[in-house]
Amino acid sequence: MSTHAALPSPTDLTVRKLAVDLSKGFSRHWNGGDAFLTAYANALSMSFPVGEQFFIDAVKSGAKALPDTPENEDLRQVVKGFIGQEATHRHLHGMYNAHLDKQGLVNHWGPRSQQRLDKGRRELFEKSDKGYLHELAITAAFEHYTSIFGDMVLERMDQEGDWFAKAEDPLKTLWRWHAAEESEHKCVAFDLYQRLGGNHAWRMRWFWFVTVQFSTDVLRQTVNNLWHDKTLFKPSTWWSAGKFLFGRHGLVWRCAKPIAAYARKDFHPMQVGHPTQANDWLTQHASQWTAVGAKA
């Protein structure tokens, strides 16, 4: 993953309706017949409805706390687009997850995350007059990881290391569209946090907390999915997992630089990832989505 000089944050975000039909479902090993790649992507999907609702609530609270100045109006408009995009993601992944339920998979990650967030709100966020800063720091951390994943999904399309190269439609389209929008709106929570006076120390505390929680949760849910799929102990599953994590284009190596970049005091999300990759995909695949109303 390349690193670029800081670029301006987006000034508007388009809310898109994706032209995919999930009503008929999809096969059990929809990702090229690969049990591990399917189980890992399914695990991520299981986390999205709860996570994206939290992100929406966090940026809403942050936007309300912004002083009424002309320079903050642009950011408020970007927040509207962010909320629309995340609401669309939440809806589609809810439909996706409903089919996973029918396949016999059990979503432990979503309910566990909801319990964790509810406890955090009761014991920390609601007791602070600036609890929204903690929620924004958590959201910024998660958005950094989802944008890293989004960049990695798009940067190796149709090449070695393309995780969705053999995926069946509509899920190939769904994941690449989601990847593009995560990369597109990666600055919003971070910019709100900075604009509202959030400090580097708390940003990093929550980032490392999110890193541990996210890594643990995705591992647990992926293993659980493979267990219910009866493919956990197959050699092909472990071979695929090894390549995905530690292969030539493995997740671990590709994540290292952007994770390290987040720790810099002068970090901004626009310094990480390809500057036009998400927009390129969205432009080239404009036939697969329609804008919802005017640009936010």
C-alpha atoms as a PDB file:
ATOM      1  CA  MET A   1       0.000   0.000   0.000  1.00  0.00           C
ATOM      2  CA  SER A   2       1.361   3.344  -0.987  1.00  0.00           C
ATOM      3  CA  THR A   3       1.539   6.477   1.124  1.00  0.00           C
ATOM      4  CA  HIS A   4       0.873   9.875  -0.374  1.00  0.00           C
ATOM      5  CA  ALA A   5       1.127  13.454   0.784  1.00  0.00           C
ATOM      6  CA  ALA A   6      -1.950  14.694   2.610  1.00  0.00           C
ATOM      7  CA  LEU A   7      -4.840  15.521   0.295  1.00  0.00           C
ATOM      8  CA  PRO A   8      -7.986  17.510   1.027  1.00  0.00           C
ATOM      9  CA  SER A   9     -10.856  15.568   2.566  1.00  0.00           C
ATOM     10  CA  PRO A  10     -13.911  14.992   0.350  1.00  0.00           C
ATOM     11  CA  THR A  11     -16.415  17.840   0.358  1.00  0.00           C
ATOM     12  CA  ASP A  12     -19.412  15.687  -0.546  1.00  0.00           C
ATOM     13  CA  LEU A  13     -20.428  12.041  -0.493  1.00  0.00           C
ATOM     14  CA  THR A  14     -22.950  10.371  -2.778  1.00  0.00           C
ATOM     15  CA  VAL A  15     -25.445   7.976  -1.222  1.00  0.00           C
ATOM     16  CA  ARG A  16     -25.852   5.078  -3.650  1.00  0.00           C
ATOM     17  CA  LYS A  17     -28.416   2.352  -4.155  1.00  0.00           C
ATOM     18  CA  LEU A  18     -26.592  -0.762  -5.317  1.00  0.00           C
ATOM     19  CA  ALA A  19     -28.178  -2.824  -8.090  1.00  0.00           C
ATOM     20  CA  VAL A  20     -27.755  -6.231  -6.474  1.00  0.00           C
ATOM     21  CA  ASP A  21     -30.419  -8.785  -5.629  1.00  0.00           C
ATOM     22  CA  LEU A  22     -29.774 -10.795  -2.464  1.00  0.00           C
ATOM     23  CA  SER A  23     -33.305 -12.162  -2.240  1.00  0.00           C
ATOM     24  CA  LYS A  24     -32.341 -15.462  -3.867  1.00  0.00           C
ATOM     25  CA  GLY A  25     -29.362 -15.928  -1.591  1.00  0.00           C
ATOM     26  CA  PHE A  26     -26.024 -17.410  -2.587  1.00  0.00           C
ATOM     27  CA  SER A  27     -24.085 -20.649  -2.318  1.00  0.00           C
ATOM     28  CA  ARG A  28     -22.460 -21.815   0.887  1.00  0.00           C
ATOM     29  CA  HIS A  29     -18.924 -21.319  -0.469  1.00  0.00           C
ATOM     30  CA  TRP A  30     -19.707 -18.334  -2.661  1.00  0.00           C
ATOM     31  CA  ASN A  31     -16.119 -17.045  -2.690  1.00  0.00           C
ATOM     32  CA  GLY A  32     -14.660 -19.264  -5.398  1.00  0.00           C
ATOM     33  CA  GLY A  33     -15.420 -22.440  -3.458  1.00  0.00           C
ATOM     34  CA  ASP A  34     -12.852 -21.378  -0.822  1.00  0.00           C
ATOM     35  CA  ALA A  35     -14.213 -22.176   2.644  1.00  0.00           C
ATOM     36  CA  PHE A  36     -11.821 -19.877   4.511  1.00  0.00           C
ATOM     37  CA  LEU A  37     -12.196 -16.815   2.270  1.00  0.00           C
ATOM     38  CA  THR A  38     -15.964 -17.255   2.425  1.00  0.00           C
ATOM     39  CA  ALA A  39     -16.004 -17.678   6.211  1.00  0.00           C
ATOM     40  CA  TYR A  40     -13.765 -14.630   6.768  1.00  0.00           C
ATOM     41  CA  ALA A  41     -15.892 -12.333   4.596  1.00  0.00           C
ATOM     42  CA  ASN A  42     -19.058 -13.697   6.200  1.00  0.00           C
ATOM     43  CA  ALA A  43     -17.606 -12.926   9.639  1.00  0.00           C
ATOM     44  CA  LEU A  44     -16.973  -9.318   8.650  1.00  0.00           C
ATOM     45  CA  SER A  45     -20.508  -9.006   7.332  1.00  0.00           C
ATOM     46  CA  MET A  46     -21.892 -10.278  10.622  1.00  0.00           C
ATOM     47  CA  SER A  47     -20.299  -7.344  12.446  1.00  0.00           C
ATOM     48  CA  PHE A  48     -21.476  -4.599  10.121  1.00  0.00           C
ATOM     49  CA  PRO A  49     -25.100  -3.856  11.097  1.00  0.00           C
ATOM     50  CA  VAL A  50     -24.214  -3.213  14.766  1.00  0.00           C
ATOM     51  CA  GLY A  51     -20.931  -1.504  13.962  1.00  0.00           C
ATOM     52  CA  GLU A  52     -22.328   0.782  11.295  1.00  0.00           C
ATOM     53  CA  GLN A  53     -25.205   1.873  13.513  1.00  0.00           C
ATOM     54  CA  PHE A  54     -22.653   2.819  16.163  1.00  0.00           C
ATOM     55  CA  PHE A  55     -20.654   4.795  13.586  1.00  0.00           C
ATOM     56  CA  ILE A  56     -23.802   6.611  12.481  1.00  0.00           C
ATOM     57  CA  ASP A  57     -24.709   7.510  16.067  1.00  0.00           C
ATOM     58  CA  ALA A  58     -21.150   8.671  16.800  1.00  0.00           C
ATOM     59  CA  VAL A  59     -20.886  11.048  13.857  1.00  0.00           C
ATOM     60  CA  LYS A  60     -24.410  12.366  14.483  1.00  0.00           C
ATOM     61  CA  SER A  61     -23.425  13.256  18.050  1.00  0.00           C
ATOM     62  CA  GLY A  62     -20.185  14.793  16.871  1.00  0.00           C
ATOM     63  CA  ALA A  63     -21.909  16.889  14.221  1.00  0.00           C
ATOM     64  CA  LYS A  64     -24.352  18.240  16.811  1.00  0.00           C
ATOM     65  CA  ALA A  65     -21.425  19.367  18.953  1.00  0.00           C
ATOM     66  CA  LEU A  66     -19.807  21.376  16.143  1.00  0.00           C
ATOM     67  CA  PRO A  67     -20.008  25.142  16.636  1.00  0.00           C
ATOM     68  CA  ASP A  68     -22.236  26.948  14.131  1.00  0.00           C
ATOM     69  CA  THR A  69     -19.557  28.435  11.923  1.00  0.00           C
ATOM     70  CA  PRO A  70     -19.308  28.539   8.119  1.00  0.00           C
ATOM     71  CA  GLU A  71     -16.202  26.338   8.116  1.00  0.00           C
ATOM     72  CA  ASN A  72     -18.099  23.582   9.929  1.00  0.00           C
ATOM     73  CA  GLU A  73     -21.040  23.574   7.514  1.00  0.00           C
ATOM     74  CA  ASP A  74     -19.101  21.634   4.857  1.00  0.00           C
ATOM     75  CA  LEU A  75     -18.219  18.979   7.407  1.00  0.00           C
ATOM     76  CA  ARG A  76     -21.864  18.702   8.455  1.00  0.00           C
ATOM     77  CA  GLN A  77     -22.797  18.094   4.827  1.00  0.00           C
ATOM     78  CA  VAL A  78     -20.170  15.353   4.528  1.00  0.00           C
ATOM     79  CA  VAL A  79     -21.576  13.771   7.700  1.00  0.00           C
ATOM     80  CA  LYS A  80     -24.989  13.513   6.007  1.00  0.00           C
ATOM     81  CA  GLY A  81     -23.433  11.578   3.133  1.00  0.00           C
ATOM     82  CA  PHE A  82     -21.514   9.355   5.558  1.00  0.00           C
ATOM     83  CA  ILE A  83     -24.719   8.504   7.419  1.00  0.00           C
ATOM     84  CA  GLY A  84     -26.515   7.694   4.182  1.00  0.00           C
ATOM     85  CA  GLN A  85     -23.725   5.434   2.958  1.00  0.00           C
ATOM     86  CA  GLU A  86     -23.425   3.578   6.264  1.00  0.00           C
ATOM     87  CA  ALA A  87     -27.195   3.142   6.512  1.00  0.00           C
ATOM     88  CA  THR A  88     -27.163   1.535   3.051  1.00  0.00           C
ATOM     89  CA  HIS A  89     -24.308  -0.777   4.067  1.00  0.00           C
ATOM     90  CA  ARG A  90     -26.187  -1.757   7.228  1.00  0.00           C
ATOM     91  CA  HIS A  91     -29.336  -2.570   5.253  1.00  0.00           C
ATOM     92  CA  LEU A  92     -27.633  -4.715   2.612  1.00  0.00           C
ATOM     93  CA  HIS A  93     -25.493  -6.596   5.103  1.00  0.00           C
ATOM     94  CA  GLY A  94     -28.593  -7.229   7.184  1.00  0.00           C
ATOM     95  CA  MET A  95     -30.093  -8.995   4.142  1.00  0.00           C
ATOM     96  CA  TYR A  96     -26.803 -10.812   3.560  1.00  0.00           C
ATOM     97  CA  ASN A  97     -26.661 -11.964   7.197  1.00  0.00           C
ATOM     98  CA  ALA A  98     -30.251 -13.199   7.087  1.00  0.00           C
ATOM     99  CA  HIS A  99     -29.201 -15.674   4.403  1.00  0.00           C
ATOM    100  CA  LEU A 100     -26.212 -16.759   6.508  1.00  0.00           C
ATOM    101  CA  ASP A 101     -28.698 -17.587   9.272  1.00  0.00           C
ATOM    102  CA  LYS A 102     -30.569 -19.798   6.819  1.00  0.00           C
ATOM    103  CA  GLN A 103     -27.298 -21.582   6.035  1.00  0.00           C
ATOM    104  CA  GLY A 104     -26.958 -22.496   9.714  1.00  0.00           C
ATOM    105  CA  LEU A 105     -24.226 -20.023  10.663  1.00  0.00           C
ATOM    106  CA  VAL A 106     -24.512 -18.330  14.055  1.00  0.00           C
ATOM    107  CA  ASN A 107     -23.687 -14.654  14.478  1.00  0.00           C
ATOM    108  CA  HIS A 108     -21.978 -14.231  17.859  1.00  0.00           C
ATOM    109  CA  TRP A 109     -19.980 -11.134  16.880  1.00  0.00           C
ATOM    110  CA  GLY A 110     -22.915  -8.773  16.373  1.00  0.00           C
ATOM    111  CA  PRO A 111     -24.648  -9.421  19.724  1.00  0.00           C
ATOM    112  CA  ARG A 112     -21.311  -9.420  21.584  1.00  0.00           C
ATOM    113  CA  SER A 113     -20.415  -6.051  20.045  1.00  0.00           C
ATOM    114  CA  GLN A 114     -23.826  -4.635  20.965  1.00  0.00           C
ATOM    115  CA  GLN A 115     -23.381  -5.701  24.592  1.00  0.00           C
ATOM    116  CA  ARG A 116     -19.901  -4.171  24.667  1.00  0.00           C
ATOM    117  CA  LEU A 117     -21.130  -0.892  23.203  1.00  0.00           C
ATOM    118  CA  ASP A 118     -24.105  -0.702  25.561  1.00  0.00           C
ATOM    119  CA  LYS A 119     -21.805  -1.224  28.538  1.00  0.00           C
ATOM    120  CA  GLY A 120     -19.388   1.418  27.251  1.00  0.00           C
ATOM    121  CA  ARG A 121     -22.180   3.950  26.886  1.00  0.00           C
ATOM    122  CA  ARG A 122     -23.489   3.291  30.411  1.00  0.00           C
ATOM    123  CA  GLU A 123     -20.136   3.248  32.169  1.00  0.00           C
ATOM    124  CA  LEU A 124     -18.093   5.794  30.216  1.00  0.00           C
ATOM    125  CA  PHE A 125     -19.599   7.737  27.341  1.00  0.00           C
ATOM    126  CA  GLU A 126     -22.792   8.915  29.046  1.00  0.00           C
ATOM    127  CA  LYS A 127     -20.909   9.948  32.202  1.00  0.00           C
ATOM    128  CA  SER A 128     -18.693  12.366  30.297  1.00  0.00           C
ATOM    129  CA  ASP A 129     -19.835  15.706  28.935  1.00  0.00           C
ATOM    130  CA  LYS A 130     -17.674  14.922  25.905  1.00  0.00           C
ATOM    131  CA  GLY A 131     -18.430  11.235  25.578  1.00  0.00           C
ATOM    132  CA  TYR A 132     -18.946  11.774  21.868  1.00  0.00           C
ATOM    133  CA  LEU A 133     -15.162  12.240  21.522  1.00  0.00           C
ATOM    134  CA  HIS A 134     -14.583   8.700  22.783  1.00  0.00           C
ATOM    135  CA  GLU A 135     -17.180   7.366  20.367  1.00  0.00           C
ATOM    136  CA  LEU A 136     -15.605   9.309  17.500  1.00  0.00           C
ATOM    137  CA  ALA A 137     -12.124   8.002  18.382  1.00  0.00           C
ATOM    138  CA  ILE A 138     -13.466   4.433  18.306  1.00  0.00           C
ATOM    139  CA  THR A 139     -15.264   5.105  15.028  1.00  0.00           C
ATOM    140  CA  ALA A 140     -12.144   6.674  13.475  1.00  0.00           C
ATOM    141  CA  ALA A 141     -10.139   3.591  14.466  1.00  0.00           C
ATOM    142  CA  PHE A 142     -12.651   1.176  12.936  1.00  0.00           C
ATOM    143  CA  GLU A 143     -12.963   3.333   9.842  1.00  0.00           C
ATOM    144  CA  HIS A 144      -9.177   3.184   9.431  1.00  0.00           C
ATOM    145  CA  TYR A 145      -9.347  -0.608   9.386  1.00  0.00           C
ATOM    146  CA  THR A 146     -12.327  -0.763   7.046  1.00  0.00           C
ATOM    147  CA  SER A 147     -10.630   1.670   4.660  1.00  0.00           C
ATOM    148  CA  ILE A 148      -7.423  -0.407   4.760  1.00  0.00           C
ATOM    149  CA  PHE A 149      -9.493  -3.460   3.881  1.00  0.00           C
ATOM    150  CA  GLY A 150     -11.287  -1.485   1.191  1.00  0.00           C
ATOM    151  CA  ASP A 151      -8.035  -0.325  -0.372  1.00  0.00           C
ATOM    152  CA  MET A 152      -6.670  -3.871  -0.368  1.00  0.00           C
ATOM    153  CA  VAL A 153      -9.832  -5.245  -1.990  1.00  0.00           C
ATOM    154  CA  LEU A 154      -9.585  -2.767  -4.857  1.00  0.00           C
ATOM    155  CA  GLU A 155      -5.845  -2.505  -5.418  1.00  0.00           C
ATOM    156  CA  ARG A 156      -5.317  -6.101  -6.569  1.00  0.00           C
ATOM    157  CA  MET A 157      -8.489  -6.700  -8.578  1.00  0.00           C
ATOM    158  CA  ASP A 158      -7.979  -9.428 -11.187  1.00  0.00           C
ATOM    159  CA  GLN A 159      -4.412  -9.990 -10.013  1.00  0.00           C
ATOM    160  CA  GLU A 160      -2.710 -12.416  -7.656  1.00  0.00           C
ATOM    161  CA  GLY A 161      -3.942 -11.590  -4.167  1.00  0.00           C
ATOM    162  CA  ASP A 162      -7.459 -10.590  -5.279  1.00  0.00           C
ATOM    163  CA  TRP A 163      -9.586 -12.029  -2.459  1.00  0.00           C
ATOM    164  CA  PHE A 164     -12.805 -11.844  -4.487  1.00  0.00           C
ATOM    165  CA  ALA A 165     -11.465 -12.824  -7.913  1.00  0.00           C
ATOM    166  CA  LYS A 166     -13.617 -15.965  -8.120  1.00  0.00           C
ATOM    167  CA  ALA A 167     -16.545 -14.772  -6.020  1.00  0.00           C
ATOM    168  CA  GLU A 168     -20.014 -15.136  -7.465  1.00  0.00           C
ATOM    169  CA  ASP A 169     -22.165 -12.145  -8.171  1.00  0.00           C
ATOM    170  CA  PRO A 170     -23.863 -10.328  -6.542  1.00  0.00           C
ATOM    171  CA  LEU A 171     -21.429 -10.654  -3.628  1.00  0.00           C
ATOM    172  CA  LYS A 172     -18.369  -9.707  -5.687  1.00  0.00           C
ATOM    173  CA  THR A 173     -20.108  -6.451  -6.608  1.00  0.00           C
ATOM    174  CA  LEU A 174     -21.342  -5.930  -3.054  1.00  0.00           C
ATOM    175  CA  TRP A 175     -17.886  -6.279  -1.497  1.00  0.00           C
ATOM    176  CA  ARG A 176     -16.124  -4.090  -4.043  1.00  0.00           C
ATOM    177  CA  TRP A 177     -18.786  -1.374  -3.800  1.00  0.00           C
ATOM    178  CA  HIS A 178     -18.582  -1.493  -0.008  1.00  0.00           C
ATOM    179  CA  ALA A 179     -14.781  -1.337  -0.225  1.00  0.00           C
ATOM    180  CA  ALA A 180     -14.924   1.742  -2.441  1.00  0.00           C
ATOM    181  CA  GLU A 181     -17.307   3.608  -0.156  1.00  0.00           C
ATOM    182  CA  GLU A 182     -15.289   2.762   2.952  1.00  0.00           C
ATOM    183  CA  SER A 183     -12.234   4.250   1.288  1.00  0.00           C
ATOM    184  CA  GLU A 184     -14.266   7.219   0.078  1.00  0.00           C
ATOM    185  CA  HIS A 185     -15.583   8.251   3.505  1.00  0.00           C
ATOM    186  CA  LYS A 186     -12.582   7.268   5.624  1.00  0.00           C
ATOM    187  CA  CYS A 187     -11.907  10.850   6.789  1.00  0.00           C
ATOM    188  CA  VAL A 188     -15.269  11.768   8.268  1.00  0.00           C
ATOM    189  CA  ALA A 189     -15.037  10.474  11.850  1.00  0.00           C
ATOM    190  CA  PHE A 190     -11.353  11.415  12.029  1.00  0.00           C
ATOM    191  CA  ASP A 191     -11.989  14.971  10.842  1.00  0.00           C
ATOM    192  CA  LEU A 192     -14.843  15.382  13.318  1.00  0.00           C
ATOM    193  CA  TYR A 193     -12.659  14.117  16.145  1.00  0.00           C
ATOM    194  CA  GLN A 194      -9.889  16.555  15.265  1.00  0.00           C
ATOM    195  CA  ARG A 195     -12.257  19.491  14.703  1.00  0.00           C
ATOM    196  CA  LEU A 196     -13.848  18.942  18.124  1.00  0.00           C
ATOM    197  CA  GLY A 197     -10.511  18.964  19.933  1.00  0.00           C
ATOM    198  CA  GLY A 198      -9.813  15.263  20.280  1.00  0.00           C
ATOM    199  CA  ASN A 199      -6.241  14.547  21.340  1.00  0.00           C
ATOM    200  CA  HIS A 200      -3.655  12.102  20.031  1.00  0.00           C
ATOM    201  CA  ALA A 201      -3.268  10.172  23.307  1.00  0.00           C
ATOM    202  CA  TRP A 202      -6.942   9.144  23.477  1.00  0.00           C
ATOM    203  CA  ARG A 203      -7.031   8.524  19.745  1.00  0.00           C
ATOM    204  CA  MET A 204      -4.246   5.970  20.162  1.00  0.00           C
ATOM    205  CA  ARG A 205      -5.672   4.399  23.326  1.00  0.00           C
ATOM    206  CA  TRP A 206      -8.893   3.641  21.506  1.00  0.00           C
ATOM    207  CA  PHE A 207      -7.041   2.559  18.368  1.00  0.00           C
ATOM    208  CA  TRP A 208      -5.105  -0.151  20.204  1.00  0.00           C
ATOM    209  CA  PHE A 209      -8.270  -1.194  22.039  1.00  0.00           C
ATOM    210  CA  VAL A 210     -10.085  -1.522  18.699  1.00  0.00           C
ATOM    211  CA  THR A 211      -7.102  -3.377  17.201  1.00  0.00           C
ATOM    212  CA  VAL A 212      -7.217  -6.057  19.906  1.00  0.00           C
ATOM    213  CA  GLN A 213     -11.003  -6.338  19.914  1.00  0.00           C
ATOM    214  CA  PHE A 214     -11.341  -6.423  16.139  1.00  0.00           C
ATOM    215  CA  SER A 215      -8.551  -8.990  15.666  1.00  0.00           C
ATOM    216  CA  THR A 216     -10.012 -11.233  18.360  1.00  0.00           C
ATOM    217  CA  ASP A 217     -13.600 -10.912  17.176  1.00  0.00           C
ATOM    218  CA  VAL A 218     -12.916 -11.605  13.506  1.00  0.00           C
ATOM    219  CA  LEU A 219     -10.835 -14.665  14.439  1.00  0.00           C
ATOM    220  CA  ARG A 220     -13.514 -16.032  16.763  1.00  0.00           C
ATOM    221  CA  GLN A 221     -16.327 -15.540  14.266  1.00  0.00           C
ATOM    222  CA  THR A 222     -14.365 -16.952  11.336  1.00  0.00           C
ATOM    223  CA  VAL A 223     -13.493 -20.080  13.334  1.00  0.00           C
ATOM    224  CA  ASN A 224     -17.121 -20.386  14.426  1.00  0.00           C
ATOM    225  CA  ASN A 225     -18.298 -20.090  10.823  1.00  0.00           C
ATOM    226  CA  LEU A 226     -15.860 -22.800   9.726  1.00  0.00           C
ATOM    227  CA  TRP A 227     -16.978 -25.025  12.604  1.00  0.00           C
ATOM    228  CA  HIS A 228     -20.621 -24.799  11.579  1.00  0.00           C
ATOM    229  CA  ASP A 229     -19.556 -25.289   7.967  1.00  0.00           C
ATOM    230  CA  LYS A 230     -17.683 -28.472   8.970  1.00  0.00           C
ATOM    231  CA  THR A 231     -14.548 -27.259   7.172  1.00  0.00           C
ATOM    232  CA  LEU A 232     -12.510 -26.051  10.165  1.00  0.00           C
ATOM    233  CA  PHE A 233     -10.137 -29.019  10.180  1.00  0.00           C
ATOM    234  CA  LYS A 234      -9.680 -29.473   6.448  1.00  0.00           C
ATOM    235  CA  PRO A 235      -6.098 -28.941   5.217  1.00  0.00           C
ATOM    236  CA  SER A 236      -7.368 -26.784   2.352  1.00  0.00           C
ATOM    237  CA  THR A 237      -8.911 -24.390   4.883  1.00  0.00           C
ATOM    238  CA  TRP A 238      -5.643 -23.919   6.742  1.00  0.00           C
ATOM    239  CA  TRP A 239      -3.687 -23.567   3.493  1.00  0.00           C
ATOM    240  CA  SER A 240      -6.022 -20.815   2.355  1.00  0.00           C
ATOM    241  CA  ALA A 241      -5.824 -19.086   5.743  1.00  0.00           C
ATOM    242  CA  GLY A 242      -2.019 -19.187   5.646  1.00  0.00           C
ATOM    243  CA  LYS A 243      -1.899 -17.621   2.184  1.00  0.00           C
ATOM    244  CA  PHE A 244      -4.461 -14.989   3.126  1.00  0.00           C
ATOM    245  CA  LEU A 245      -2.553 -13.934   6.234  1.00  0.00           C
ATOM    246  CA  PHE A 246       1.107 -14.583   5.433  1.00  0.00           C
ATOM    247  CA  GLY A 247       1.390 -15.188   1.697  1.00  0.00           C
ATOM    248  CA  ARG A 248       3.151 -12.925  -0.778  1.00  0.00           C
ATOM    249  CA  HIS A 249       0.154 -10.608  -0.764  1.00  0.00           C
ATOM    250  CA  GLY A 250      -0.925 -11.523   2.758  1.00  0.00           C
ATOM    251  CA  LEU A 251      -3.052  -9.390   5.026  1.00  0.00           C
ATOM    252  CA  VAL A 252      -0.361  -9.045   7.701  1.00  0.00           C
ATOM    253  CA  TRP A 253       2.257  -7.528   5.388  1.00  0.00           C
ATOM    254  CA  ARG A 254      -0.211  -5.279   3.598  1.00  0.00           C
ATOM    255  CA  CYS A 255      -1.646  -3.909   6.854  1.00  0.00           C
ATOM    256  CA  ALA A 256       1.655  -3.115   8.552  1.00  0.00           C
ATOM    257  CA  LYS A 257       2.424   0.291   7.018  1.00  0.00           C
ATOM    258  CA  PRO A 258      -1.060   1.838   7.268  1.00  0.00           C
ATOM    259  CA  ILE A 259      -1.387   0.625  10.872  1.00  0.00           C
ATOM    260  CA  ALA A 260       1.965   2.185  11.754  1.00  0.00           C
ATOM    261  CA  ALA A 261       0.978   5.384   9.951  1.00  0.00           C
ATOM    262  CA  TYR A 262      -2.049   5.842  12.226  1.00  0.00           C
ATOM    263  CA  ALA A 263       0.271   6.240  15.231  1.00  0.00           C
ATOM    264  CA  ARG A 264       1.885   9.401  13.863  1.00  0.00           C
ATOM    265  CA  LYS A 265       0.780  12.632  15.530  1.00  0.00           C
ATOM    266  CA  ASP A 266       0.508  14.298  12.114  1.00  0.00           C
ATOM    267  CA  PHE A 267      -1.489  11.430  10.590  1.00  0.00           C
ATOM    268  CA  HIS A 268      -4.486  12.036   8.353  1.00  0.00           C
ATOM    269  CA  PRO A 269      -6.436   9.260   6.555  1.00  0.00           C
ATOM    270  CA  MET A 270      -5.862  10.860   3.162  1.00  0.00           C
ATOM    271  CA  GLN A 271      -2.134  10.077   3.520  1.00  0.00           C
ATOM    272  CA  VAL A 272      -2.868   6.348   3.227  1.00  0.00           C
ATOM    273  CA  GLY A 273      -4.092   4.407   0.222  1.00  0.00           C
ATOM    274  CA  HIS A 274      -4.420   5.227  -3.458  1.00  0.00           C
ATOM    275  CA  PRO A 275      -5.824   8.750  -4.026  1.00  0.00           C
ATOM    276  CA  THR A 276      -8.274   7.837  -6.848  1.00  0.00           C
ATOM    277  CA  GLN A 277      -8.788   4.088  -6.592  1.00  0.00           C
ATOM    278  CA  ALA A 278     -12.232   4.172  -4.958  1.00  0.00           C
ATOM    279  CA  ASN A 279     -13.528   6.863  -7.293  1.00  0.00           C
ATOM    280  CA  ASP A 280     -12.129   4.973 -10.288  1.00  0.00           C
ATOM    281  CA  TRP A 281     -14.074   1.836  -9.375  1.00  0.00           C
ATOM    282  CA  LEU A 282     -17.274   3.738  -8.648  1.00  0.00           C
ATOM    283  CA  THR A 283     -16.990   5.628 -11.953  1.00  0.00           C
ATOM    284  CA  GLN A 284     -16.190   2.525 -14.006  1.00  0.00           C
ATOM    285  CA  HIS A 285     -19.111   0.626 -12.421  1.00  0.00           C
ATOM    286  CA  ALA A 286     -21.645   3.453 -12.399  1.00  0.00           C
ATOM    287  CA  SER A 287     -24.133   1.152 -14.138  1.00  0.00           C
ATOM    288  CA  GLN A 288     -24.305  -0.928 -10.960  1.00  0.00           C
ATOM    289  CA  TRP A 289     -25.589   1.853  -8.699  1.00  0.00           C
ATOM    290  CA  THR A 290     -27.859   4.871  -8.716  1.00  0.00           C
ATOM    291  CA  ALA A 291     -27.539   8.004  -6.590  1.00  0.00           C
ATOM    292  CA  VAL A 292     -30.172   8.412  -3.887  1.00  0.00           C
ATOM    293  CA  GLY A 293     -31.479  11.963  -4.183  1.00  0.00           C
ATOM    294  CA  ALA A 294     -29.007  14.814  -4.495  1.00  0.00           C
ATOM    295  CA  LYS A 295     -25.426  14.631  -3.342  1.00  0.00           C
ATOM    296  CA  ALA A 296     -25.216  14.995   0.406  1.00  0.00           C
END
